[in-house]
Amino acid sequence: MTKYEEHIELLEEIAQANNNVKVRTNELLTQYFGTDDADIRLINSSDLFREDGIRCE
């Protein structure tokens, strides 16, 4: 395989991983703002901070 093809495959993998992160972040934010349960909010805010550096207050 040429280096060009390897680069294209790597870029495709990065794009897919980035898309998965966006989906996960959206799911966590939806759960966070969609509940009044303090425990669920705490877990989701912790995951958002750990995975994406997003702070929910």
PDB file of N, CA and C in Angstrom:
ATOM      1  N   MET A   1       0.848  -1.171   0.000  1.00  0.00           N
ATOM      2  CA  MET A   1       0.000   0.000   0.000  1.00  0.00           C
ATOM      3  C   MET A   1       0.903   1.247   0.000  1.00  0.00           C
ATOM      4  N   THR A   2       0.489   2.247  -0.752  1.00  0.00           N
ATOM      5  CA  THR A   2       1.279   3.476  -0.800  1.00  0.00           C
ATOM      6  C   THR A   2       1.040   4.319   0.434  1.00  0.00           C
ATOM      7  N   LYS A   3       1.917   5.242   0.657  1.00  0.00           N
ATOM      8  CA  LYS A   3       1.762   6.130   1.803  1.00  0.00           C
ATOM      9  C   LYS A   3       0.490   6.962   1.667  1.00  0.00           C
ATOM     10  N   TYR A   4       0.167   7.369   0.445  1.00  0.00           N
ATOM     11  CA  TYR A   4      -1.040   8.165   0.222  1.00  0.00           C
ATOM     12  C   TYR A   4      -2.272   7.391   0.672  1.00  0.00           C
ATOM     13  N   GLU A   5      -2.365   6.125   0.297  1.00  0.00           N
ATOM     14  CA  GLU A   5      -3.511   5.297   0.684  1.00  0.00           C
ATOM     15  C   GLU A   5      -3.567   5.114   2.201  1.00  0.00           C
ATOM     16  N   GLU A   6      -2.411   4.973   2.813  1.00  0.00           N
ATOM     17  CA  GLU A   6      -2.365   4.838   4.271  1.00  0.00           C
ATOM     18  C   GLU A   6      -2.869   6.111   4.942  1.00  0.00           C
ATOM     19  N   HIS A   7      -2.497   7.249   4.400  1.00  0.00           N
ATOM     20  CA  HIS A   7      -2.951   8.529   4.956  1.00  0.00           C
ATOM     21  C   HIS A   7      -4.466   8.678   4.816  1.00  0.00           C
ATOM     22  N   ILE A   8      -5.004   8.282   3.680  1.00  0.00           N
ATOM     23  CA  ILE A   8      -6.442   8.362   3.452  1.00  0.00           C
ATOM     24  C   ILE A   8      -7.175   7.469   4.449  1.00  0.00           C
ATOM     25  N   GLU A   9      -6.687   6.262   4.669  1.00  0.00           N
ATOM     26  CA  GLU A   9      -7.316   5.352   5.633  1.00  0.00           C
ATOM     27  C   GLU A   9      -7.264   5.933   7.042  1.00  0.00           C
ATOM     28  N   LEU A  10      -6.128   6.515   7.403  1.00  0.00           N
ATOM     29  CA  LEU A  10      -5.987   7.115   8.725  1.00  0.00           C
ATOM     30  C   LEU A  10      -6.958   8.289   8.888  1.00  0.00           C
ATOM     31  N   LEU A  11      -7.083   9.127   7.879  1.00  0.00           N
ATOM     32  CA  LEU A  11      -8.015  10.252   7.937  1.00  0.00           C
ATOM     33  C   LEU A  11      -9.458   9.771   8.072  1.00  0.00           C
ATOM     34  N   GLU A  12      -9.798   8.691   7.394  1.00  0.00           N
ATOM     35  CA  GLU A  12     -11.143   8.132   7.514  1.00  0.00           C
ATOM     36  C   GLU A  12     -11.390   7.620   8.933  1.00  0.00           C
ATOM     37  N   GLU A  13     -10.398   6.977   9.531  1.00  0.00           N
ATOM     38  CA  GLU A  13     -10.531   6.490  10.904  1.00  0.00           C
ATOM     39  C   GLU A  13     -10.699   7.656  11.883  1.00  0.00           C
ATOM     40  N   ILE A  14      -9.930   8.712  11.681  1.00  0.00           N
ATOM     41  CA  ILE A  14     -10.033   9.888  12.553  1.00  0.00           C
ATOM     42  C   ILE A  14     -11.398  10.531  12.415  1.00  0.00           C
ATOM     43  N   ALA A  15     -11.893  10.654  11.191  1.00  0.00           N
ATOM     44  CA  ALA A  15     -13.210  11.256  10.966  1.00  0.00           C
ATOM     45  C   ALA A  15     -14.299  10.436  11.635  1.00  0.00           C
ATOM     46  N   GLN A  16     -14.212   9.108  11.554  1.00  0.00           N
ATOM     47  CA  GLN A  16     -15.207   8.245  12.186  1.00  0.00           C
ATOM     48  C   GLN A  16     -15.144   8.376  13.703  1.00  0.00           C
ATOM     49  N   ALA A  17     -13.952   8.408  14.261  1.00  0.00           N
ATOM     50  CA  ALA A  17     -13.803   8.558  15.706  1.00  0.00           C
ATOM     51  C   ALA A  17     -14.357   9.900  16.161  1.00  0.00           C
ATOM     52  N   ASN A  18     -14.111  10.949  15.398  1.00  0.00           N
ATOM     53  CA  ASN A  18     -14.623  12.275  15.733  1.00  0.00           C
ATOM     54  C   ASN A  18     -16.143  12.282  15.699  1.00  0.00           C
ATOM     55  N   ASN A  19     -16.723  11.612  14.739  1.00  0.00           N
ATOM     56  CA  ASN A  19     -18.184  11.530  14.645  1.00  0.00           C
ATOM     57  C   ASN A  19     -18.756  10.786  15.843  1.00  0.00           C
ATOM     58  N   ASN A  20     -18.093   9.716  16.268  1.00  0.00           N
ATOM     59  CA  ASN A  20     -18.552   8.953  17.427  1.00  0.00           C
ATOM     60  C   ASN A  20     -18.504   9.802  18.697  1.00  0.00           C
ATOM     61  N   VAL A  21     -17.486  10.638  18.827  1.00  0.00           N
ATOM     62  CA  VAL A  21     -17.359  11.518  19.993  1.00  0.00           C
ATOM     63  C   VAL A  21     -18.506  12.516  20.012  1.00  0.00           C
ATOM     64  N   LYS A  22     -18.830  13.080  18.850  1.00  0.00           N
ATOM     65  CA  LYS A  22     -19.916  14.055  18.773  1.00  0.00           C
ATOM     66  C   LYS A  22     -21.242  13.421  19.150  1.00  0.00           C
ATOM     67  N   VAL A  23     -21.473  12.196  18.708  1.00  0.00           N
ATOM     68  CA  VAL A  23     -22.712  11.502  19.038  1.00  0.00           C
ATOM     69  C   VAL A  23     -22.778  11.255  20.537  1.00  0.00           C
ATOM     70  N   ARG A  24     -21.697  10.792  21.124  1.00  0.00           N
ATOM     71  CA  ARG A  24     -21.647  10.512  22.568  1.00  0.00           C
ATOM     72  C   ARG A  24     -21.866  11.800  23.365  1.00  0.00           C
ATOM     73  N   THR A  25     -21.234  12.885  22.964  1.00  0.00           N
ATOM     74  CA  THR A  25     -21.399  14.162  23.653  1.00  0.00           C
ATOM     75  C   THR A  25     -22.841  14.626  23.585  1.00  0.00           C
ATOM     76  N   ASN A  26     -23.443  14.512  22.414  1.00  0.00           N
ATOM     77  CA  ASN A  26     -24.849  14.905  22.255  1.00  0.00           C
ATOM     78  C   ASN A  26     -25.755  14.071  23.148  1.00  0.00           C
ATOM     79  N   GLU A  27     -25.508  12.770  23.230  1.00  0.00           N
ATOM     80  CA  GLU A  27     -26.316  11.898  24.085  1.00  0.00           C
ATOM     81  C   GLU A  27     -26.182  12.286  25.555  1.00  0.00           C
ATOM     82  N   LEU A  28     -24.958  12.557  25.989  1.00  0.00           N
ATOM     83  CA  LEU A  28     -24.744  12.938  27.389  1.00  0.00           C
ATOM     84  C   LEU A  28     -25.414  14.270  27.714  1.00  0.00           C
ATOM     85  N   LEU A  29     -25.309  15.239  26.809  1.00  0.00           N
ATOM     86  CA  LEU A  29     -25.954  16.531  27.047  1.00  0.00           C
ATOM     87  C   LEU A  29     -27.468  16.397  27.082  1.00  0.00           C
ATOM     88  N   THR A  30     -28.017  15.570  26.211  1.00  0.00           N
ATOM     89  CA  THR A  30     -29.462  15.342  26.195  1.00  0.00           C
ATOM     90  C   THR A  30     -29.916  14.723  27.510  1.00  0.00           C
ATOM     91  N   GLN A  31     -29.181  13.734  27.989  1.00  0.00           N
ATOM     92  CA  GLN A  31     -29.526  13.106  29.259  1.00  0.00           C
ATOM     93  C   GLN A  31     -29.371  14.087  30.417  1.00  0.00           C
ATOM     94  N   TYR A  32     -28.310  14.885  30.387  1.00  0.00           N
ATOM     95  CA  TYR A  32     -28.050  15.833  31.468  1.00  0.00           C
ATOM     96  C   TYR A  32     -29.197  16.827  31.608  1.00  0.00           C
ATOM     97  N   PHE A  33     -29.588  17.440  30.506  1.00  0.00           N
ATOM     98  CA  PHE A  33     -30.624  18.457  30.557  1.00  0.00           C
ATOM     99  C   PHE A  33     -32.039  17.885  30.553  1.00  0.00           C
ATOM    100  N   GLY A  34     -32.160  16.581  30.325  1.00  0.00           N
ATOM    101  CA  GLY A  34     -33.475  15.954  30.250  1.00  0.00           C
ATOM    102  C   GLY A  34     -33.939  15.313  31.543  1.00  0.00           C
ATOM    103  N   THR A  35     -33.180  15.466  32.629  1.00  0.00           N
ATOM    104  CA  THR A  35     -33.561  14.829  33.884  1.00  0.00           C
ATOM    105  C   THR A  35     -33.392  15.796  35.055  1.00  0.00           C
ATOM    106  N   ASP A  36     -34.139  15.519  36.104  1.00  0.00           N
ATOM    107  CA  ASP A  36     -33.981  16.274  37.347  1.00  0.00           C
ATOM    108  C   ASP A  36     -33.248  15.449  38.401  1.00  0.00           C
ATOM    109  N   ASP A  37     -32.903  14.205  38.063  1.00  0.00           N
ATOM    110  CA  ASP A  37     -32.220  13.303  38.986  1.00  0.00           C
ATOM    111  C   ASP A  37     -30.779  13.770  39.173  1.00  0.00           C
ATOM    112  N   ALA A  38     -30.444  14.169  40.380  1.00  0.00           N
ATOM    113  CA  ALA A  38     -29.118  14.719  40.671  1.00  0.00           C
ATOM    114  C   ALA A  38     -27.998  13.708  40.428  1.00  0.00           C
ATOM    115  N   ASP A  39     -28.257  12.437  40.701  1.00  0.00           N
ATOM    116  CA  ASP A  39     -27.225  11.416  40.496  1.00  0.00           C
ATOM    117  C   ASP A  39     -26.892  11.260  39.014  1.00  0.00           C
ATOM    118  N   ILE A  40     -27.911  11.214  38.183  1.00  0.00           N
ATOM    119  CA  ILE A  40     -27.696  11.073  36.734  1.00  0.00           C
ATOM    120  C   ILE A  40     -26.968  12.300  36.196  1.00  0.00           C
ATOM    121  N   ARG A  41     -27.373  13.470  36.667  1.00  0.00           N
ATOM    122  CA  ARG A  41     -26.718  14.701  36.218  1.00  0.00           C
ATOM    123  C   ARG A  41     -25.244  14.709  36.624  1.00  0.00           C
ATOM    124  N   LEU A  42     -24.948  14.246  37.822  1.00  0.00           N
ATOM    125  CA  LEU A  42     -23.573  14.200  38.293  1.00  0.00           C
ATOM    126  C   LEU A  42     -22.726  13.253  37.438  1.00  0.00           C
ATOM    127  N   ILE A  43     -23.259  12.091  37.159  1.00  0.00           N
ATOM    128  CA  ILE A  43     -22.554  11.111  36.328  1.00  0.00           C
ATOM    129  C   ILE A  43     -22.312  11.669  34.931  1.00  0.00           C
ATOM    130  N   ASN A  44     -23.356  12.248  34.340  1.00  0.00           N
ATOM    131  CA  ASN A  44     -23.219  12.791  32.988  1.00  0.00           C
ATOM    132  C   ASN A  44     -22.258  13.968  32.943  1.00  0.00           C
ATOM    133  N   SER A  45     -22.321  14.848  33.934  1.00  0.00           N
ATOM    134  CA  SER A  45     -21.408  15.988  33.926  1.00  0.00           C
ATOM    135  C   SER A  45     -19.967  15.524  34.105  1.00  0.00           C
ATOM    136  N   SER A  46     -19.770  14.491  34.906  1.00  0.00           N
ATOM    137  CA  SER A  46     -18.434  13.933  35.080  1.00  0.00           C
ATOM    138  C   SER A  46     -17.915  13.342  33.771  1.00  0.00           C
ATOM    139  N   ASP A  47     -18.765  12.590  33.083  1.00  0.00           N
ATOM    140  CA  ASP A  47     -18.374  12.003  31.796  1.00  0.00           C
ATOM    141  C   ASP A  47     -18.090  13.080  30.755  1.00  0.00           C
ATOM    142  N   LEU A  48     -18.917  14.112  30.719  1.00  0.00           N
ATOM    143  CA  LEU A  48     -18.699  15.204  29.764  1.00  0.00           C
ATOM    144  C   LEU A  48     -17.370  15.899  30.018  1.00  0.00           C
ATOM    145  N   PHE A  49     -17.048  16.128  31.281  1.00  0.00           N
ATOM    146  CA  PHE A  49     -15.782  16.785  31.599  1.00  0.00           C
ATOM    147  C   PHE A  49     -14.597  15.874  31.268  1.00  0.00           C
ATOM    148  N   ARG A  50     -14.712  14.618  31.655  1.00  0.00           N
ATOM    149  CA  ARG A  50     -13.610  13.672  31.437  1.00  0.00           C
ATOM    150  C   ARG A  50     -13.358  13.440  29.953  1.00  0.00           C
ATOM    151  N   GLU A  51     -14.422  13.290  29.165  1.00  0.00           N
ATOM    152  CA  GLU A  51     -14.267  12.952  27.759  1.00  0.00           C
ATOM    153  C   GLU A  51     -14.020  14.157  26.872  1.00  0.00           C
ATOM    154  N   ASP A  52     -14.646  15.290  27.179  1.00  0.00           N
ATOM    155  CA  ASP A  52     -14.606  16.433  26.262  1.00  0.00           C
ATOM    156  C   ASP A  52     -14.149  17.725  26.897  1.00  0.00           C
ATOM    157  N   GLY A  53     -13.948  17.747  28.203  1.00  0.00           N
ATOM    158  CA  GLY A  53     -13.568  18.983  28.867  1.00  0.00           C
ATOM    159  C   GLY A  53     -14.713  19.967  29.008  1.00  0.00           C
ATOM    160  N   ILE A  54     -15.954  19.478  28.879  1.00  0.00           N
ATOM    161  CA  ILE A  54     -17.134  20.332  28.967  1.00  0.00           C
ATOM    162  C   ILE A  54     -17.587  20.381  30.428  1.00  0.00           C
ATOM    163  N   ARG A  55     -17.815  21.594  30.938  1.00  0.00           N
ATOM    164  CA  ARG A  55     -18.291  21.758  32.309  1.00  0.00           C
ATOM    165  C   ARG A  55     -19.774  22.106  32.282  1.00  0.00           C
ATOM    166  N   CYS A  56     -20.543  21.386  33.068  1.00  0.00           N
ATOM    167  CA  CYS A  56     -21.974  21.671  33.218  1.00  0.00           C
ATOM    168  C   CYS A  56     -22.194  22.185  34.629  1.00  0.00           C
ATOM    169  N   GLU A  57     -22.842  23.325  34.718  1.00  0.00           N
ATOM    170  CA  GLU A  57     -23.096  23.903  36.045  1.00  0.00           C
ATOM    171  C   GLU A  57     -24.566  24.167  36.213  1.00  0.00           C
TER     172      GLU A  57
END
